[in-house]
Structures are given as structure tokens and as C-alpha cells.
Amino acid sequence: MASFVKRVVVNIPLVCLVLVYACAVQVAPELPPSAKQRLATLLEAKDIRDVDFLIYRRESAFDYLGIQAGFEVAWWWESVFRHGYVLRKNHSDTDWSKAELFDVRLSVLTVLSGFPVLENELLPWKRPNQPLEPTK
């Protein structure tokens, strides 16, 4: 009986370590290549780094893809612009190549996880330091 108890006590830390590792290692959802290309084109981004999260949502006639990540852009004062964006495409479109890009004031998770999608929080995207259009 004593040897059984000793084996259990010795193996508890090992079991805990394996469980912690199993919980920490997760398969991250992939950003579809057409969405990555669309984001890179619209944001003038050289690369998309350090994706914090992706959220997919389908509601009525639209598919939504929210992303919080770092975008390597030349127009920002730091090398990486960290922000959240939402792409919206028609459900009938096969890929994200014609998707609209939206900026959000709230977290992407907040905007896309409610029912319905908070459409009033989807703002047309404009580069932060982009000059205003001249008035005529």
C-alpha cells in the first residue's frame, strides 16, 4: 500500500504538468489566404503578425471575420500597428477578396459576439493619420 501511495504522490506533479501543457497548446484558427490578402491590400500592410484572436460570424446575408493583430505598416509611427478590424462579405461570395473593411470602436469580440452583430459599431476604415478630404 505504501508503494502505491508513493507512486501516486510522485506522479501527481507529472500529471499536472502534462495537463497544463495540453491546455496551453491549442490549434489557432487560420486566417483564410484571401482575407489575409484583402487586409494587406486595404491596410497597405507588409505583414500581419501576432494575431491575438480571430472570430468568424455568419448572420443573415453576410459573413464576418474579426481580427485583432499587429499589422506591419509604413504609415504608422511604430513598426507595428496593433488594432482590431472586421471584414464583411456577402455569404454568396466564395472568398474574402471583395470584402469590406471596417474599423471598430469597441473590441472586435464585443461587436461580433452579440446578437445581432452590432452594425452601428462597424465604421468605414480610414488610416489614422490620413488627411481629411478637402471641401469644395
Foldseek 3Di string as FASTA:
>chain_A
DVVVVVVVVVCVVVVVVVVVVVVVDDDADDDPPLNQVQCCVVQVFPHWDDWPHWDWDDDDQKIKIKTFTWTQHPPDPDRTDTAMKMWIDGPPDPDRNPTAIFHFPDHPCVQVVDPPRVVVRTHHDDPPPDDDDDDD
